[in-house]
Amino acid sequence: MSLLHYLVMRPQDQEFRKTWNDRTTLYQSFWGLEEAQAIPPNIVMTGPYLKPAAEYMKILEQKDKELFDWMNKAQEDGIPIAYITLGSECVWQEWAVKELYFGLKEVNCRVIWGLKP
């Protein structure tokens, strides 16, 4: 169940909903990420505004030809690519990073991993 569904549909939060429903609320998501549902008129979806994938690939080819070729080879071979980013707010312990790494090795995919020290 999505956060939006939870906030809109939970009857025990009537007091919160009364004030919340009177305000314009920005909700960051995008179509296809969550189950389709009716939303109140005060909700404004603010999903990512992205260029078409082809434009990003042109930029990548210019900026990092090696990565571009690696991704194209995976696509040609029918191998999925997983993008993993652990963010910068969490401090991951070494054992957890290793477990994630060994788990990813078991999956038949290529991995682009953004990991900050």
C-alpha atoms as a PDB file:
ATOM      1  CA  MET A   1       0.000   0.000   0.000  1.00  0.00           C
ATOM      2  CA  SER A   2       1.428   3.378  -0.971  1.00  0.00           C
ATOM      3  CA  LEU A   3       1.927   6.313   1.373  1.00  0.00           C
ATOM      4  CA  LEU A   4      -0.614   8.290  -0.616  1.00  0.00           C
ATOM      5  CA  HIS A   5      -3.223   5.548  -0.231  1.00  0.00           C
ATOM      6  CA  TYR A   6      -2.424   5.311   3.466  1.00  0.00           C
ATOM      7  CA  LEU A   7      -2.837   9.037   4.078  1.00  0.00           C
ATOM      8  CA  VAL A   8      -5.951   9.440   1.990  1.00  0.00           C
ATOM      9  CA  MET A   9      -7.817   6.284   3.006  1.00  0.00           C
ATOM     10  CA  ARG A  10      -7.066   5.733   6.710  1.00  0.00           C
ATOM     11  CA  PRO A  11     -10.283   6.573   8.585  1.00  0.00           C
ATOM     12  CA  GLN A  12      -8.644   6.857  12.029  1.00  0.00           C
ATOM     13  CA  ASP A  13      -6.726   9.938  10.893  1.00  0.00           C
ATOM     14  CA  GLN A  14      -9.816  12.079  10.355  1.00  0.00           C
ATOM     15  CA  GLU A  15      -8.480  15.156  12.191  1.00  0.00           C
ATOM     16  CA  PHE A  16      -5.239  15.138  10.216  1.00  0.00           C
ATOM     17  CA  ARG A  17      -7.122  14.567   6.977  1.00  0.00           C
ATOM     18  CA  LYS A  18      -9.386  17.562   7.632  1.00  0.00           C
ATOM     19  CA  THR A  19      -6.434  19.978   7.671  1.00  0.00           C
ATOM     20  CA  TRP A  20      -4.408  18.062   5.098  1.00  0.00           C
ATOM     21  CA  ASN A  21      -7.231  17.965   2.549  1.00  0.00           C
ATOM     22  CA  ASP A  22      -7.533  21.754   2.632  1.00  0.00           C
ATOM     23  CA  ARG A  23      -3.954  22.276   1.457  1.00  0.00           C
ATOM     24  CA  THR A  24      -2.198  21.700  -1.812  1.00  0.00           C
ATOM     25  CA  THR A  25       0.148  18.801  -1.254  1.00  0.00           C
ATOM     26  CA  LEU A  26       3.112  17.934  -3.467  1.00  0.00           C
ATOM     27  CA  TYR A  27       3.702  14.209  -3.719  1.00  0.00           C
ATOM     28  CA  GLN A  28       6.892  12.959  -5.318  1.00  0.00           C
ATOM     29  CA  SER A  29       6.322   9.811  -7.283  1.00  0.00           C
ATOM     30  CA  PHE A  30       5.719   8.934 -10.884  1.00  0.00           C
ATOM     31  CA  TRP A  31       3.145   7.004 -12.827  1.00  0.00           C
ATOM     32  CA  GLY A  32       3.872   3.302 -12.928  1.00  0.00           C
ATOM     33  CA  LEU A  33       5.803   3.239  -9.649  1.00  0.00           C
ATOM     34  CA  GLU A  34       2.716   2.756  -7.539  1.00  0.00           C
ATOM     35  CA  GLU A  35      -0.623   1.065  -8.019  1.00  0.00           C
ATOM     36  CA  ALA A  36      -3.129   3.219  -9.916  1.00  0.00           C
ATOM     37  CA  GLN A  37      -5.513   5.006  -7.592  1.00  0.00           C
ATOM     38  CA  ALA A  38      -7.804   8.009  -7.402  1.00  0.00           C
ATOM     39  CA  ILE A  39      -6.208  10.999  -5.720  1.00  0.00           C
ATOM     40  CA  PRO A  40      -7.842  14.048  -4.172  1.00  0.00           C
ATOM     41  CA  PRO A  41      -7.785  17.295  -6.163  1.00  0.00           C
ATOM     42  CA  ASN A  42      -5.337  18.912  -3.715  1.00  0.00           C
ATOM     43  CA  ILE A  43      -2.590  16.390  -4.584  1.00  0.00           C
ATOM     44  CA  VAL A  44      -0.065  17.474  -7.202  1.00  0.00           C
ATOM     45  CA  MET A  45       2.187  14.715  -8.515  1.00  0.00           C
ATOM     46  CA  THR A  46       5.761  15.996  -8.872  1.00  0.00           C
ATOM     47  CA  GLY A  47       7.571  12.997 -10.278  1.00  0.00           C
ATOM     48  CA  PRO A  48      10.976  13.293 -11.869  1.00  0.00           C
ATOM     49  CA  TYR A  49      11.288  15.451 -14.920  1.00  0.00           C
ATOM     50  CA  LEU A  50      13.703  13.520 -17.059  1.00  0.00           C
ATOM     51  CA  LYS A  51      14.988  13.760 -20.571  1.00  0.00           C
ATOM     52  CA  PRO A  52      14.322  10.771 -22.844  1.00  0.00           C
ATOM     53  CA  ALA A  53      16.746   7.890 -22.211  1.00  0.00           C
ATOM     54  CA  ALA A  54      18.320   8.325 -25.658  1.00  0.00           C
ATOM     55  CA  GLU A  55      19.507  11.817 -24.708  1.00  0.00           C
ATOM     56  CA  TYR A  56      21.166  10.505 -21.556  1.00  0.00           C
ATOM     57  CA  MET A  57      22.892   7.793 -23.566  1.00  0.00           C
ATOM     58  CA  LYS A  58      24.313  10.412 -25.951  1.00  0.00           C
ATOM     59  CA  ILE A  59      25.657  12.388 -22.987  1.00  0.00           C
ATOM     60  CA  LEU A  60      27.090   9.230 -21.418  1.00  0.00           C
ATOM     61  CA  GLU A  61      28.792   8.259 -24.676  1.00  0.00           C
ATOM     62  CA  GLN A  62      30.545  11.637 -24.726  1.00  0.00           C
ATOM     63  CA  LYS A  63      31.459  11.706 -21.024  1.00  0.00           C
ATOM     64  CA  ASP A  64      32.336   8.059 -20.328  1.00  0.00           C
ATOM     65  CA  LYS A  65      32.812   5.959 -23.454  1.00  0.00           C
ATOM     66  CA  GLU A  66      33.979   2.934 -21.461  1.00  0.00           C
ATOM     67  CA  LEU A  67      30.807   2.823 -19.351  1.00  0.00           C
ATOM     68  CA  PHE A  68      28.676   3.493 -22.435  1.00  0.00           C
ATOM     69  CA  ASP A  69      30.244   0.533 -24.274  1.00  0.00           C
ATOM     70  CA  TRP A  70      29.858  -1.678 -21.176  1.00  0.00           C
ATOM     71  CA  MET A  71      26.142  -0.832 -20.955  1.00  0.00           C
ATOM     72  CA  ASN A  72      25.595  -1.346 -24.696  1.00  0.00           C
ATOM     73  CA  LYS A  73      27.295  -4.754 -24.535  1.00  0.00           C
ATOM     74  CA  ALA A  74      25.011  -5.776 -21.674  1.00  0.00           C
ATOM     75  CA  GLN A  75      21.976  -4.671 -23.682  1.00  0.00           C
ATOM     76  CA  GLU A  76      23.146  -6.558 -26.769  1.00  0.00           C
ATOM     77  CA  ASP A  77      23.686  -9.686 -24.663  1.00  0.00           C
ATOM     78  CA  GLY A  78      20.292  -9.330 -22.991  1.00  0.00           C
ATOM     79  CA  ILE A  79      21.833  -8.903 -19.539  1.00  0.00           C
ATOM     80  CA  PRO A  80      19.938  -6.584 -17.187  1.00  0.00           C
ATOM     81  CA  ILE A  81      21.772  -3.790 -15.403  1.00  0.00           C
ATOM     82  CA  ALA A  82      21.050  -2.995 -11.762  1.00  0.00           C
ATOM     83  CA  TYR A  83      21.868   0.457 -10.417  1.00  0.00           C
ATOM     84  CA  ILE A  84      22.588   0.378  -6.692  1.00  0.00           C
ATOM     85  CA  THR A  85      23.069   3.497  -4.619  1.00  0.00           C
ATOM     86  CA  LEU A  86      23.267   3.436  -0.860  1.00  0.00           C
ATOM     87  CA  GLY A  87      22.898   7.168  -0.460  1.00  0.00           C
ATOM     88  CA  SER A  88      24.983   9.463   1.681  1.00  0.00           C
ATOM     89  CA  GLU A  89      22.854   9.594   4.826  1.00  0.00           C
ATOM     90  CA  CYS A  90      23.406   6.025   6.026  1.00  0.00           C
ATOM     91  CA  VAL A  91      26.642   4.632   7.342  1.00  0.00           C
ATOM     92  CA  TRP A  92      26.917   1.051   6.166  1.00  0.00           C
ATOM     93  CA  GLN A  93      28.950  -1.425   8.134  1.00  0.00           C
ATOM     94  CA  GLU A  94      31.534  -3.389   6.194  1.00  0.00           C
ATOM     95  CA  TRP A  95      29.771  -6.732   6.715  1.00  0.00           C
ATOM     96  CA  ALA A  96      26.513  -5.339   5.264  1.00  0.00           C
ATOM     97  CA  VAL A  97      28.242  -3.990   2.159  1.00  0.00           C
ATOM     98  CA  LYS A  98      29.986  -7.348   1.675  1.00  0.00           C
ATOM     99  CA  GLU A  99      26.693  -9.234   2.010  1.00  0.00           C
ATOM    100  CA  LEU A 100      25.098  -6.988  -0.582  1.00  0.00           C
ATOM    101  CA  TYR A 101      28.089  -7.502  -2.868  1.00  0.00           C
ATOM    102  CA  PHE A 102      28.023 -11.295  -2.587  1.00  0.00           C
ATOM    103  CA  GLY A 103      24.255 -11.320  -3.098  1.00  0.00           C
ATOM    104  CA  LEU A 104      24.642  -9.253  -6.260  1.00  0.00           C
ATOM    105  CA  LYS A 105      27.271 -11.689  -7.542  1.00  0.00           C
ATOM    106  CA  GLU A 106      24.622 -14.429  -7.449  1.00  0.00           C
ATOM    107  CA  VAL A 107      22.260 -12.519  -9.726  1.00  0.00           C
ATOM    108  CA  ASN A 108      22.782 -12.743 -13.470  1.00  0.00           C
ATOM    109  CA  CYS A 109      23.075  -9.014 -14.105  1.00  0.00           C
ATOM    110  CA  ARG A 110      25.612  -6.254 -14.418  1.00  0.00           C
ATOM    111  CA  VAL A 111      25.811  -3.757 -11.595  1.00  0.00           C
ATOM    112  CA  ILE A 112      26.567  -0.050 -11.441  1.00  0.00           C
ATOM    113  CA  TRP A 113      27.137   0.680  -7.790  1.00  0.00           C
ATOM    114  CA  GLY A 114      27.387   4.160  -6.297  1.00  0.00           C
ATOM    115  CA  LEU A 115      29.072   3.747  -2.925  1.00  0.00           C
ATOM    116  CA  LYS A 116      30.525   6.571  -0.868  1.00  0.00           C
ATOM    117  CA  PRO A 117      33.259   5.865   1.688  1.00  0.00           C
END
